[in-house]
Amino acid sequence: MIMNDFEHRHAGHCESGTVAALLRHRGLDLSEPMVFGIGGGLFFLHLPIVKMGGIPLTSYREAPRAIIRNMHKRLGVRWREHRYRQPQAAMQALDDFLAAGRPVGLQTSAYWLPYFPVDMRFHFNGHNLVVYGKQGNDYQISDPVADRPVTCAADDLQRARFAKGPFAPRGLTYYPEFVPSDPDLRTATRDAIRTTAKRMTAIPMPFLGTRGIRWMADRLERWPEKLGPEQARKWVGSVVRMQEEIGTGGAGFRFMYAAFLQEAAILLDSPQLQETARELTAIGDRWRDFAVQGALLVKGRGNEGQAYATLAGILRECAVREHDLFMRLRTAV
């Protein structure tokens, strides 16, 4: 059960890469940045009341499966989703889909995927991939973060599909049931830009959007006093890891959204969007500066006494620049 016509492409983000691959297989060939942008993938939240491994949750993206929902809303793509109580039933259903010639997206735990390098395995239950075939006991996988197709033994894939913990996959399987041949990309793009810009600037909660970036900056600056040096460094390390290693993260998402704005500028004939894309790329560079300084702090290098103020200052700068940028985007299209 191998689909020789399934095309693997390396992607920057697992969900947008998986969605783009499944749509491309059905004839709708959109770039990953377009899928990410129309899918409204960019967001920010910092939730001290929600902890993973005892550390507050920081996320640089919308909720899991938001891209799938928004592609349905804006482009008319109809998706089918299945969850399963029993692992054996889920694996049998996967085999049935493959026997019918249907590649499917799966939500998995990255920790239990053996083709991940050991130092990159972590308990993250939101990793998406495409299964497109099976040879013997091994599944053929197009994982967006891999350079080339990979294989995974049935027992390992089953464990990854039914990992416990936050965002447990519960065997989630999905695929596009209907893909329009000529969707209205211009209208979808306008709606997506306006919605993302509004969500980043107008939600009246302190821990979301650009307010959330400033809110995290204020708290990060007080972590050494509140937590002690060792725990404070651990929390900074988590923020940086969520930004740079898990799901592309802060800087990478800004680069991807900037690429989306570049395509949108051509589609909508908008020089203003071209300029905004350049600005967002520069902001992404500043997020990378934050990650570098945070990594130095975690490794015990540099002046720890000044490091937290420096990191907080970079975050506040990013918050101000992003708030201004997204406010302008709210009226640009």
Foldseek 3Di string as FASTA:
>chain_A
DFDPPQDFDADLFQPLRAVQSQVVVVPDHDDSLLLCLLLLFAKWFWACVDDDVNFTDTAGTDDFCSSVVSCCVQFVFAKDKDFDPDLVVLVVVCVVCLVVQHKKKAFFQQQLFVVDPNVQHDGDRGGIWIFRQDDDQWTWTRGNNDRDIDIGGNVSRSCGQQPDDPPRNNSMIMHTPDGDNDTDSLRSNLVSLLVSLCQQAPDPDCGIHLSVLLVVLVVLLCCCVVPNLLVSLVNLVVQLCSQPRHRVHDLSSLLSNLVNLVVNCVVVVAVVSPVLSVLSNVLSVLVVVLSVLSVCSSVPHDDVVCSSVVSSVSSNVSSVSSNVSSVVSNPRD
